[in-house]
Amino acid sequence: LVSEEGGVEGDGIFSEVDIPTGQLLILHEFDDSAPEEGRNPNGELVEFSPGVFYGTTRDGGANNDGVLYKFDTNTGTYTKLIDFAGNTTGEFSHSGLILASNQKMYGTTERGGGGQGTIFEFDPLSETLSVLHVFTGADGEDSQSGLLETSPGIFYGMTESGGTNDDGTLFEYDLNTSTFTKKVDFE
């Protein structure tokens, strides 16, 4: 589990719950003071291999735009993998990650990427991040919801604002053809 706030520094915690006892065990406290490891973790975690979880933080990191990290519960090791950068990869990943059928991870950022946020792909084997789509505002902005893979390579998500009525959009991203399609303008 992650908590956006809490811990000694108030930057958030990574914890587990012992189901039989109901006891909360804090495994890691986020502290963005030095090194800049990120703060305010939120969204969905992905367990890529037994006990190895991947997640994102909304804030902190070298650029104060959030980070993508790995936490190994087997060894108690936290590793920052990616510093989000506002103008290139985006900033403020609220939704966390999903593990897709191709064994890569996908998520969104609320802002940045040279536009109004991004859809990104993270390859846990090469530990590289690629931007798949940059929101323009007309197709949505402020994506704070997670993605859903409905069939291999087909993702759906929503934005909080942007679109024709500036009330957000429902979108589809087809990884197979690298095609973004706005499906609905909310009003």
N, C-alpha and C. Protein backbone atom coordinates (compact mmCIF):
# COMPACT_ATOMS: atom_id res chain seq x y z
N LEU A 1 0.84 -1.18 0.00
CA LEU A 1 0.00 0.00 0.00
C LEU A 1 0.88 1.24 0.00
N VAL A 2 0.40 2.30 -0.62
CA VAL A 2 1.08 3.59 -0.51
C VAL A 2 0.11 4.60 0.08
N SER A 3 0.67 5.53 0.82
CA SER A 3 -0.10 6.64 1.36
C SER A 3 0.56 7.92 0.89
N GLU A 4 -0.23 8.81 0.33
CA GLU A 4 0.29 10.05 -0.25
C GLU A 4 0.98 10.94 0.78
N GLU A 5 0.56 10.85 2.01
CA GLU A 5 1.17 11.63 3.07
C GLU A 5 1.51 10.68 4.22
N GLY A 6 2.19 11.20 5.21
CA GLY A 6 2.53 10.39 6.37
C GLY A 6 4.02 10.15 6.46
N GLY A 7 4.43 9.51 7.53
CA GLY A 7 5.84 9.30 7.78
C GLY A 7 6.44 10.48 8.50
N VAL A 8 7.67 10.36 8.91
CA VAL A 8 8.35 11.42 9.67
C VAL A 8 8.39 12.73 8.90
N GLU A 9 8.69 12.67 7.60
CA GLU A 9 8.80 13.89 6.79
C GLU A 9 7.45 14.32 6.20
N GLY A 10 6.44 13.47 6.31
CA GLY A 10 5.13 13.80 5.75
C GLY A 10 5.05 13.63 4.25
N ASP A 11 6.07 12.97 3.64
CA ASP A 11 6.14 12.82 2.19
C ASP A 11 5.49 11.54 1.68
N GLY A 12 4.94 10.72 2.58
CA GLY A 12 4.26 9.49 2.17
C GLY A 12 4.99 8.26 2.65
N ILE A 13 4.26 7.13 2.61
CA ILE A 13 4.85 5.87 3.06
C ILE A 13 4.48 4.73 2.11
N PHE A 14 5.31 3.71 2.12
CA PHE A 14 5.06 2.43 1.45
C PHE A 14 4.92 1.42 2.58
N SER A 15 3.79 0.72 2.64
CA SER A 15 3.55 -0.15 3.78
C SER A 15 2.86 -1.43 3.35
N GLU A 16 2.77 -2.36 4.30
CA GLU A 16 2.00 -3.58 4.07
C GLU A 16 1.12 -3.81 5.29
N VAL A 17 0.06 -4.56 5.09
CA VAL A 17 -0.85 -4.90 6.17
C VAL A 17 -0.76 -6.40 6.41
N ASP A 18 -0.54 -6.78 7.66
CA ASP A 18 -0.59 -8.17 8.06
C ASP A 18 -2.06 -8.51 8.24
N ILE A 19 -2.63 -9.27 7.30
CA ILE A 19 -4.07 -9.53 7.29
C ILE A 19 -4.55 -10.20 8.59
N PRO A 20 -3.85 -11.25 9.07
CA PRO A 20 -4.37 -11.89 10.29
C PRO A 20 -4.42 -10.97 11.51
N THR A 21 -3.44 -10.08 11.65
CA THR A 21 -3.41 -9.22 12.84
C THR A 21 -3.98 -7.84 12.58
N GLY A 22 -4.07 -7.45 11.28
CA GLY A 22 -4.53 -6.11 10.93
C GLY A 22 -3.48 -5.04 11.20
N GLN A 23 -2.24 -5.46 11.47
CA GLN A 23 -1.18 -4.51 11.79
C GLN A 23 -0.57 -3.92 10.52
N LEU A 24 -0.38 -2.60 10.52
CA LEU A 24 0.25 -1.89 9.43
C LEU A 24 1.75 -1.83 9.69
N LEU A 25 2.55 -2.28 8.73
CA LEU A 25 4.00 -2.25 8.84
C LEU A 25 4.55 -1.30 7.79
N ILE A 26 5.20 -0.24 8.23
CA ILE A 26 5.80 0.72 7.30
C ILE A 26 7.11 0.14 6.79
N LEU A 27 7.20 -0.01 5.45
CA LEU A 27 8.39 -0.57 4.82
C LEU A 27 9.34 0.51 4.33
N HIS A 28 8.79 1.67 3.96
CA HIS A 28 9.63 2.77 3.45
C HIS A 28 8.91 4.09 3.68
N GLU A 29 9.66 5.08 4.16
CA GLU A 29 9.13 6.44 4.28
C GLU A 29 9.78 7.29 3.20
N PHE A 30 8.95 7.94 2.40
CA PHE A 30 9.48 8.81 1.35
C PHE A 30 10.05 10.07 2.00
N ASP A 31 11.21 10.47 1.51
CA ASP A 31 11.90 11.67 2.02
C ASP A 31 12.59 12.31 0.83
N ASP A 32 12.05 13.40 0.36
CA ASP A 32 12.56 14.02 -0.86
C ASP A 32 13.70 15.00 -0.60
N SER A 33 14.24 15.01 0.62
CA SER A 33 15.27 16.02 0.92
C SER A 33 16.58 15.72 0.20
N ALA A 34 17.14 14.56 0.33
CA ALA A 34 18.39 14.23 -0.38
C ALA A 34 18.66 12.76 -0.17
N PRO A 35 18.86 12.00 -1.23
CA PRO A 35 18.64 12.40 -2.62
C PRO A 35 17.15 12.56 -2.92
N GLU A 36 16.86 13.22 -4.00
CA GLU A 36 15.48 13.53 -4.35
C GLU A 36 14.78 12.26 -4.83
N GLU A 37 14.20 11.51 -3.90
CA GLU A 37 13.62 10.21 -4.25
C GLU A 37 12.14 10.28 -4.60
N GLY A 38 11.54 11.44 -4.53
CA GLY A 38 10.12 11.58 -4.81
C GLY A 38 9.33 11.69 -3.53
N ARG A 39 8.13 12.25 -3.65
CA ARG A 39 7.24 12.37 -2.51
C ARG A 39 5.80 12.32 -3.00
N ASN A 40 4.89 12.04 -2.06
CA ASN A 40 3.47 11.93 -2.34
C ASN A 40 3.17 10.81 -3.35
N PRO A 41 3.51 9.56 -2.99
CA PRO A 41 3.18 8.44 -3.87
C PRO A 41 1.67 8.25 -3.90
N ASN A 42 1.17 7.88 -5.06
CA ASN A 42 -0.26 7.62 -5.16
C ASN A 42 -0.54 6.76 -6.37
N GLY A 43 -1.76 6.38 -6.53
CA GLY A 43 -2.13 5.57 -7.68
C GLY A 43 -1.85 4.09 -7.46
N GLU A 44 -2.07 3.35 -8.51
CA GLU A 44 -1.93 1.90 -8.46
C GLU A 44 -0.47 1.47 -8.48
N LEU A 45 -0.17 0.44 -7.70
CA LEU A 45 1.13 -0.21 -7.73
C LEU A 45 1.06 -1.42 -8.66
N VAL A 46 2.19 -1.77 -9.27
CA VAL A 46 2.28 -2.95 -10.11
C VAL A 46 3.29 -3.90 -9.48
N GLU A 47 2.87 -5.15 -9.26
CA GLU A 47 3.82 -6.18 -8.80
C GLU A 47 4.31 -6.91 -10.04
N PHE A 48 5.56 -6.63 -10.43
CA PHE A 48 6.11 -7.17 -11.67
C PHE A 48 6.66 -8.58 -11.47
N SER A 49 7.29 -8.80 -10.35
CA SER A 49 7.75 -10.14 -9.96
C SER A 49 7.47 -10.26 -8.47
N PRO A 50 7.48 -11.47 -7.91
CA PRO A 50 7.08 -11.63 -6.51
C PRO A 50 7.82 -10.68 -5.56
N GLY A 51 7.05 -9.79 -4.92
CA GLY A 51 7.60 -8.86 -3.95
C GLY A 51 8.26 -7.62 -4.52
N VAL A 52 8.25 -7.45 -5.84
CA VAL A 52 8.88 -6.28 -6.48
C VAL A 52 7.77 -5.42 -7.09
N PHE A 53 7.59 -4.23 -6.51
CA PHE A 53 6.51 -3.33 -6.88
C PHE A 53 7.05 -2.08 -7.57
N TYR A 54 6.27 -1.58 -8.52
CA TYR A 54 6.58 -0.34 -9.23
C TYR A 54 5.46 0.65 -8.98
N GLY A 55 5.81 1.93 -8.87
CA GLY A 55 4.82 2.96 -8.65
C GLY A 55 5.34 4.32 -9.06
N THR A 56 4.50 5.33 -8.87
CA THR A 56 4.88 6.70 -9.21
C THR A 56 4.57 7.61 -8.02
N THR A 57 5.25 8.75 -8.00
CA THR A 57 4.93 9.79 -7.03
C THR A 57 4.42 11.00 -7.80
N ARG A 58 3.57 11.74 -7.16
CA ARG A 58 3.03 12.96 -7.78
C ARG A 58 4.05 14.08 -7.81
N ASP A 59 4.87 14.16 -6.77
CA ASP A 59 5.81 15.28 -6.63
C ASP A 59 7.20 14.74 -6.33
N GLY A 60 8.12 15.69 -6.20
CA GLY A 60 9.48 15.37 -5.80
C GLY A 60 10.35 14.89 -6.95
N GLY A 61 11.49 14.38 -6.60
CA GLY A 61 12.47 13.99 -7.60
C GLY A 61 13.34 15.16 -7.98
N ALA A 62 14.26 14.93 -8.87
CA ALA A 62 15.24 15.95 -9.27
C ALA A 62 14.58 17.19 -9.87
N ASN A 63 13.42 17.03 -10.53
CA ASN A 63 12.75 18.16 -11.18
C ASN A 63 11.50 18.61 -10.44
N ASN A 64 11.20 17.98 -9.31
CA ASN A 64 9.97 18.21 -8.54
C ASN A 64 8.72 17.94 -9.38
N ASP A 65 8.84 17.03 -10.36
CA ASP A 65 7.73 16.65 -11.23
C ASP A 65 7.26 15.23 -10.97
N GLY A 66 7.81 14.58 -9.93
CA GLY A 66 7.46 13.21 -9.61
C GLY A 66 8.49 12.23 -10.15
N VAL A 67 8.38 10.98 -9.69
CA VAL A 67 9.31 9.94 -10.10
C VAL A 67 8.56 8.63 -10.35
N LEU A 68 9.22 7.72 -11.04
CA LEU A 68 8.79 6.34 -11.16
C LEU A 68 9.81 5.53 -10.37
N TYR A 69 9.34 4.66 -9.49
CA TYR A 69 10.25 3.95 -8.59
C TYR A 69 9.94 2.46 -8.53
N LYS A 70 10.87 1.73 -7.94
CA LYS A 70 10.72 0.30 -7.69
C LYS A 70 10.99 0.06 -6.21
N PHE A 71 10.17 -0.79 -5.57
CA PHE A 71 10.44 -1.17 -4.20
C PHE A 71 10.42 -2.69 -4.11
N ASP A 72 11.54 -3.25 -3.65
CA ASP A 72 11.68 -4.69 -3.50
C ASP A 72 11.42 -5.05 -2.04
N THR A 73 10.27 -5.66 -1.77
CA THR A 73 9.93 -6.02 -0.39
C THR A 73 10.78 -7.18 0.12
N ASN A 74 11.41 -7.94 -0.78
CA ASN A 74 12.27 -9.04 -0.37
C ASN A 74 13.54 -8.54 0.30
N THR A 75 14.04 -7.39 -0.19
CA THR A 75 15.29 -6.84 0.34
C THR A 75 15.09 -5.53 1.09
N GLY A 76 13.87 -4.95 1.00
CA GLY A 76 13.61 -3.65 1.62
C GLY A 76 14.28 -2.51 0.88
N THR A 77 14.53 -2.70 -0.43
CA THR A 77 15.28 -1.72 -1.21
C THR A 77 14.36 -0.84 -2.06
N TYR A 78 14.50 0.48 -1.90
CA TYR A 78 13.79 1.47 -2.72
C TYR A 78 14.77 1.95 -3.79
N THR A 79 14.30 2.02 -5.05
CA THR A 79 15.15 2.52 -6.14
C THR A 79 14.35 3.49 -6.99
N LYS A 80 14.83 4.72 -7.09
CA LYS A 80 14.21 5.67 -8.02
C LYS A 80 14.74 5.32 -9.41
N LEU A 81 13.83 5.15 -10.37
CA LEU A 81 14.24 4.75 -11.72
C LEU A 81 14.16 5.90 -12.72
N ILE A 82 13.13 6.72 -12.62
CA ILE A 82 12.89 7.79 -13.60
C ILE A 82 12.50 9.06 -12.85
N ASP A 83 13.13 10.17 -13.21
CA ASP A 83 12.69 11.50 -12.78
C ASP A 83 11.82 12.05 -13.90
N PHE A 84 10.53 12.28 -13.64
CA PHE A 84 9.70 12.92 -14.66
C PHE A 84 10.23 14.33 -14.88
N ALA A 85 10.15 14.79 -16.10
CA ALA A 85 10.62 16.14 -16.47
C ALA A 85 9.50 16.82 -17.24
N GLY A 86 8.98 17.90 -16.67
CA GLY A 86 7.80 18.58 -17.19
C GLY A 86 7.71 18.73 -18.68
N ASN A 87 8.73 19.28 -19.33
CA ASN A 87 8.62 19.59 -20.76
C ASN A 87 8.81 18.38 -21.66
N THR A 88 9.36 17.28 -21.14
CA THR A 88 9.61 16.13 -22.00
C THR A 88 8.71 14.95 -21.67
N THR A 89 8.82 14.39 -20.47
CA THR A 89 8.07 13.19 -20.12
C THR A 89 6.76 13.48 -19.41
N GLY A 90 6.57 14.71 -18.97
CA GLY A 90 5.36 15.08 -18.25
C GLY A 90 5.64 15.23 -16.77
N GLU A 91 4.61 15.66 -16.05
CA GLU A 91 4.76 15.87 -14.61
C GLU A 91 3.47 15.51 -13.89
N PHE A 92 3.61 15.13 -12.64
CA PHE A 92 2.49 14.85 -11.74
C PHE A 92 1.69 13.62 -12.17
N SER A 93 2.27 12.45 -11.98
CA SER A 93 1.57 11.20 -12.29
C SER A 93 0.69 10.83 -11.10
N HIS A 94 -0.60 11.07 -11.23
CA HIS A 94 -1.57 10.81 -10.15
C HIS A 94 -2.07 9.37 -10.16
N SER A 95 -2.11 8.76 -11.33
CA SER A 95 -2.86 7.51 -11.48
C SER A 95 -2.07 6.25 -11.22
N GLY A 96 -0.77 6.34 -11.11
CA GLY A 96 0.03 5.14 -10.94
C GLY A 96 0.19 4.40 -12.26
N LEU A 97 0.36 3.09 -12.17
CA LEU A 97 0.72 2.29 -13.33
C LEU A 97 -0.23 1.11 -13.51
N ILE A 98 -0.27 0.59 -14.73
CA ILE A 98 -0.89 -0.71 -14.98
C ILE A 98 0.15 -1.58 -15.68
N LEU A 99 0.07 -2.87 -15.45
CA LEU A 99 0.91 -3.83 -16.16
C LEU A 99 0.07 -4.39 -17.30
N ALA A 100 0.52 -4.17 -18.53
CA ALA A 100 -0.24 -4.59 -19.70
C ALA A 100 0.13 -6.01 -20.11
N SER A 101 -0.60 -6.52 -21.06
CA SER A 101 -0.40 -7.89 -21.53
C SER A 101 0.97 -8.11 -22.15
N ASN A 102 1.64 -7.04 -22.59
CA ASN A 102 2.99 -7.15 -23.17
C ASN A 102 4.09 -7.07 -22.12
N GLN A 103 3.72 -7.07 -20.83
CA GLN A 103 4.64 -7.02 -19.70
C GLN A 103 5.38 -5.68 -19.58
N LYS A 104 4.80 -4.63 -20.15
CA LYS A 104 5.28 -3.27 -19.96
C LYS A 104 4.24 -2.52 -19.13
N MET A 105 4.64 -1.39 -18.57
CA MET A 105 3.76 -0.62 -17.69
C MET A 105 3.36 0.68 -18.38
N TYR A 106 2.13 1.12 -18.07
CA TYR A 106 1.60 2.31 -18.71
C TYR A 106 0.96 3.21 -17.67
N GLY A 107 1.00 4.52 -17.94
CA GLY A 107 0.42 5.49 -17.04
C GLY A 107 0.24 6.82 -17.74
N THR A 108 -0.24 7.79 -16.98
CA THR A 108 -0.46 9.13 -17.51
C THR A 108 0.14 10.16 -16.56
N THR A 109 0.38 11.35 -17.09
CA THR A 109 0.76 12.49 -16.26
C THR A 109 -0.30 13.57 -16.42
N GLU A 110 -0.43 14.37 -15.38
CA GLU A 110 -1.45 15.42 -15.38
C GLU A 110 -1.07 16.57 -16.30
N ARG A 111 0.18 16.90 -16.36
CA ARG A 111 0.67 18.07 -17.10
C ARG A 111 1.94 17.71 -17.87
N GLY A 112 2.40 18.66 -18.66
CA GLY A 112 3.73 18.58 -19.26
C GLY A 112 3.81 17.77 -20.53
N GLY A 113 5.04 17.43 -20.88
CA GLY A 113 5.31 16.74 -22.13
C GLY A 113 5.29 17.67 -23.32
N GLY A 114 5.36 18.97 -23.07
CA GLY A 114 5.23 19.94 -24.15
C GLY A 114 3.78 20.23 -24.48
N GLY A 115 2.87 19.73 -23.64
CA GLY A 115 1.44 19.95 -23.85
C GLY A 115 0.71 19.91 -22.52
N GLN A 116 -0.40 19.20 -22.49
CA GLN A 116 -1.27 19.16 -21.31
C GLN A 116 -1.26 17.79 -20.62
N GLY A 117 -0.12 17.12 -20.63
CA GLY A 117 0.03 15.82 -20.01
C GLY A 117 0.38 14.76 -21.03
N THR A 118 0.69 13.55 -20.54
CA THR A 118 1.16 12.50 -21.42
C THR A 118 0.54 11.15 -21.08
N ILE A 119 0.60 10.25 -22.06
CA ILE A 119 0.46 8.82 -21.85
C ILE A 119 1.86 8.26 -22.05
N PHE A 120 2.33 7.46 -21.09
CA PHE A 120 3.70 6.95 -21.21
C PHE A 120 3.76 5.44 -21.06
N GLU A 121 4.86 4.89 -21.56
CA GLU A 121 5.16 3.46 -21.46
C GLU A 121 6.48 3.31 -20.72
N PHE A 122 6.53 2.37 -19.78
CA PHE A 122 7.76 2.07 -19.05
C PHE A 122 8.09 0.60 -19.26
N ASP A 123 9.32 0.34 -19.70
CA ASP A 123 9.79 -1.02 -19.89
C ASP A 123 10.62 -1.40 -18.67
N PRO A 124 10.13 -2.31 -17.81
CA PRO A 124 10.87 -2.64 -16.59
C PRO A 124 12.16 -3.42 -16.85
N LEU A 125 12.30 -4.04 -18.02
CA LEU A 125 13.52 -4.78 -18.31
C LEU A 125 14.67 -3.84 -18.68
N SER A 126 14.39 -2.85 -19.52
CA SER A 126 15.43 -1.88 -19.90
C SER A 126 15.41 -0.64 -19.00
N GLU A 127 14.35 -0.52 -18.16
CA GLU A 127 14.15 0.63 -17.28
C GLU A 127 14.17 1.95 -18.05
N THR A 128 13.43 1.95 -19.18
CA THR A 128 13.31 3.15 -20.01
C THR A 128 11.85 3.57 -20.10
N LEU A 129 11.66 4.87 -20.24
CA LEU A 129 10.32 5.45 -20.34
C LEU A 129 10.18 6.13 -21.69
N SER A 130 9.05 5.91 -22.36
CA SER A 130 8.76 6.53 -23.65
C SER A 130 7.41 7.22 -23.58
N VAL A 131 7.31 8.39 -24.16
CA VAL A 131 6.04 9.10 -24.25
C VAL A 131 5.32 8.62 -25.50
N LEU A 132 4.07 8.18 -25.33
CA LEU A 132 3.27 7.68 -26.45
C LEU A 132 2.36 8.75 -27.03
N HIS A 133 1.85 9.63 -26.16
CA HIS A 133 0.92 10.67 -26.61
C HIS A 133 1.04 11.89 -25.70
N VAL A 134 0.98 13.05 -26.30
CA VAL A 134 0.94 14.31 -25.55
C VAL A 134 -0.43 14.93 -25.75
N PHE A 135 -1.14 15.17 -24.64
CA PHE A 135 -2.46 15.78 -24.72
C PHE A 135 -2.32 17.24 -25.16
N THR A 136 -3.26 17.69 -26.01
CA THR A 136 -3.21 19.05 -26.55
C THR A 136 -4.18 20.00 -25.85
N GLY A 137 -5.07 19.49 -25.06
CA GLY A 137 -6.15 20.29 -24.49
C GLY A 137 -7.43 20.03 -25.25
N ALA A 138 -7.38 20.08 -26.57
CA ALA A 138 -8.56 19.78 -27.39
C ALA A 138 -8.96 18.31 -27.25
N ASP A 139 -7.96 17.44 -27.02
CA ASP A 139 -8.25 16.01 -26.85
C ASP A 139 -8.27 15.61 -25.37
N GLY A 140 -8.14 16.59 -24.49
CA GLY A 140 -8.16 16.35 -23.06
C GLY A 140 -6.94 16.93 -22.38
N GLU A 141 -7.04 17.11 -21.07
CA GLU A 141 -5.91 17.54 -20.24
C GLU A 141 -6.20 17.16 -18.79
N ASP A 142 -5.18 17.21 -17.98
CA ASP A 142 -5.30 16.84 -16.56
C ASP A 142 -5.75 15.39 -16.39
N SER A 143 -5.05 14.46 -17.01
CA SER A 143 -5.39 13.05 -16.84
C SER A 143 -4.95 12.59 -15.46
N GLN A 144 -5.92 12.29 -14.62
CA GLN A 144 -5.63 11.83 -13.27
C GLN A 144 -6.18 10.44 -13.01
N SER A 145 -6.85 9.86 -14.01
CA SER A 145 -7.38 8.51 -13.83
C SER A 145 -6.39 7.51 -14.42
N GLY A 146 -6.50 6.28 -13.98
CA GLY A 146 -5.64 5.24 -14.51
C GLY A 146 -6.10 4.80 -15.89
N LEU A 147 -5.29 3.98 -16.51
CA LEU A 147 -5.63 3.40 -17.80
C LEU A 147 -6.22 2.01 -17.58
N LEU A 148 -7.01 1.55 -18.54
CA LEU A 148 -7.60 0.23 -18.51
C LEU A 148 -7.30 -0.43 -19.85
N GLU A 149 -6.69 -1.63 -19.82
CA GLU A 149 -6.44 -2.37 -21.06
C GLU A 149 -7.63 -3.29 -21.29
N THR A 150 -8.40 -3.03 -22.36
CA THR A 150 -9.61 -3.81 -22.61
C THR A 150 -9.34 -5.03 -23.48
N SER A 151 -8.33 -4.98 -24.31
CA SER A 151 -7.84 -6.11 -25.10
C SER A 151 -6.36 -5.80 -25.36
N PRO A 152 -5.58 -6.79 -25.80
CA PRO A 152 -4.13 -6.54 -25.93
C PRO A 152 -3.81 -5.27 -26.73
N GLY A 153 -3.16 -4.33 -26.04
CA GLY A 153 -2.72 -3.10 -26.69
C GLY A 153 -3.76 -2.01 -26.83
N ILE A 154 -4.97 -2.23 -26.32
CA ILE A 154 -6.03 -1.21 -26.41
C ILE A 154 -6.30 -0.68 -25.01
N PHE A 155 -6.04 0.63 -24.82
CA PHE A 155 -6.18 1.27 -23.51
C PHE A 155 -7.26 2.34 -23.55
N TYR A 156 -7.98 2.46 -22.45
CA TYR A 156 -8.95 3.54 -22.28
C TYR A 156 -8.60 4.32 -21.02
N GLY A 157 -8.90 5.62 -21.06
CA GLY A 157 -8.67 6.48 -19.91
C GLY A 157 -9.53 7.72 -20.01
N MET A 158 -9.44 8.57 -18.99
CA MET A 158 -10.23 9.80 -18.96
C MET A 158 -9.34 10.97 -18.55
N THR A 159 -9.78 12.15 -18.92
CA THR A 159 -9.13 13.37 -18.46
C THR A 159 -10.14 14.16 -17.63
N GLU A 160 -9.61 14.98 -16.74
CA GLU A 160 -10.48 15.77 -15.87
C GLU A 160 -11.01 17.02 -16.55
N SER A 161 -10.22 17.57 -17.47
CA SER A 161 -10.65 18.77 -18.18
C SER A 161 -10.18 18.67 -19.63
N GLY A 162 -10.35 19.76 -20.37
CA GLY A 162 -10.02 19.75 -21.78
C GLY A 162 -11.17 19.18 -22.60
N GLY A 163 -10.94 19.04 -23.89
CA GLY A 163 -11.99 18.61 -24.80
C GLY A 163 -12.86 19.77 -25.23
N THR A 164 -13.86 19.49 -26.00
CA THR A 164 -14.72 20.52 -26.58
C THR A 164 -15.38 21.40 -25.52
N ASN A 165 -15.82 20.80 -24.41
CA ASN A 165 -16.54 21.55 -23.39
C ASN A 165 -15.68 21.89 -22.17
N ASP A 166 -14.41 21.56 -22.22
CA ASP A 166 -13.47 21.74 -21.12
C ASP A 166 -13.92 21.01 -19.85
N ASP A 167 -14.68 19.92 -20.04
CA ASP A 167 -15.15 19.10 -18.92
C ASP A 167 -14.51 17.72 -18.92
N GLY A 168 -13.50 17.53 -19.76
CA GLY A 168 -12.79 16.27 -19.82
C GLY A 168 -13.23 15.39 -20.97
N THR A 169 -12.46 14.32 -21.16
CA THR A 169 -12.72 13.41 -22.28
C THR A 169 -12.54 11.95 -21.84
N LEU A 170 -13.13 11.07 -22.62
CA LEU A 170 -12.85 9.63 -22.57
C LEU A 170 -12.07 9.33 -23.83
N PHE A 171 -10.94 8.63 -23.70
CA PHE A 171 -10.09 8.39 -24.86
C PHE A 171 -9.69 6.93 -24.97
N GLU A 172 -9.26 6.59 -26.18
CA GLU A 172 -8.69 5.27 -26.47
C GLU A 172 -7.30 5.46 -27.03
N TYR A 173 -6.37 4.63 -26.58
CA TYR A 173 -5.04 4.60 -27.20
C TYR A 173 -4.78 3.18 -27.67
N ASP A 174 -4.50 3.04 -28.98
CA ASP A 174 -4.22 1.74 -29.58
C ASP A 174 -2.71 1.61 -29.75
N LEU A 175 -2.11 0.81 -28.91
CA LEU A 175 -0.67 0.60 -28.94
C LEU A 175 -0.24 -0.09 -30.23
N ASN A 176 -1.11 -0.92 -30.79
CA ASN A 176 -0.79 -1.68 -32.00
C ASN A 176 -0.59 -0.77 -33.21
N THR A 177 -1.31 0.34 -33.25
CA THR A 177 -1.22 1.27 -34.38
C THR A 177 -0.70 2.65 -33.97
N SER A 178 -0.37 2.81 -32.67
CA SER A 178 0.06 4.11 -32.13
C SER A 178 -0.96 5.20 -32.40
N THR A 179 -2.25 4.87 -32.24
CA THR A 179 -3.34 5.79 -32.55
C THR A 179 -4.09 6.21 -31.30
N PHE A 180 -4.22 7.53 -31.13
CA PHE A 180 -5.02 8.11 -30.05
C PHE A 180 -6.36 8.53 -30.64
N THR A 181 -7.47 8.19 -29.97
CA THR A 181 -8.80 8.58 -30.43
C THR A 181 -9.60 9.12 -29.26
N LYS A 182 -10.05 10.37 -29.38
CA LYS A 182 -10.99 10.91 -28.38
C LYS A 182 -12.35 10.30 -28.66
N LYS A 183 -12.94 9.64 -27.66
CA LYS A 183 -14.21 8.95 -27.85
C LYS A 183 -15.40 9.79 -27.40
N VAL A 184 -15.26 10.52 -26.28
CA VAL A 184 -16.37 11.28 -25.71
C VAL A 184 -15.85 12.60 -25.16
N ASP A 185 -16.60 13.66 -25.42
CA ASP A 185 -16.39 14.95 -24.74
C ASP A 185 -17.42 15.03 -23.63
N PHE A 186 -16.97 15.05 -22.39
CA PHE A 186 -17.92 15.17 -21.29
C PHE A 186 -18.50 16.57 -21.23
N GLU A 187 -19.73 16.69 -20.74
CA GLU A 187 -20.33 18.01 -20.56
C GLU A 187 -21.25 18.02 -19.37
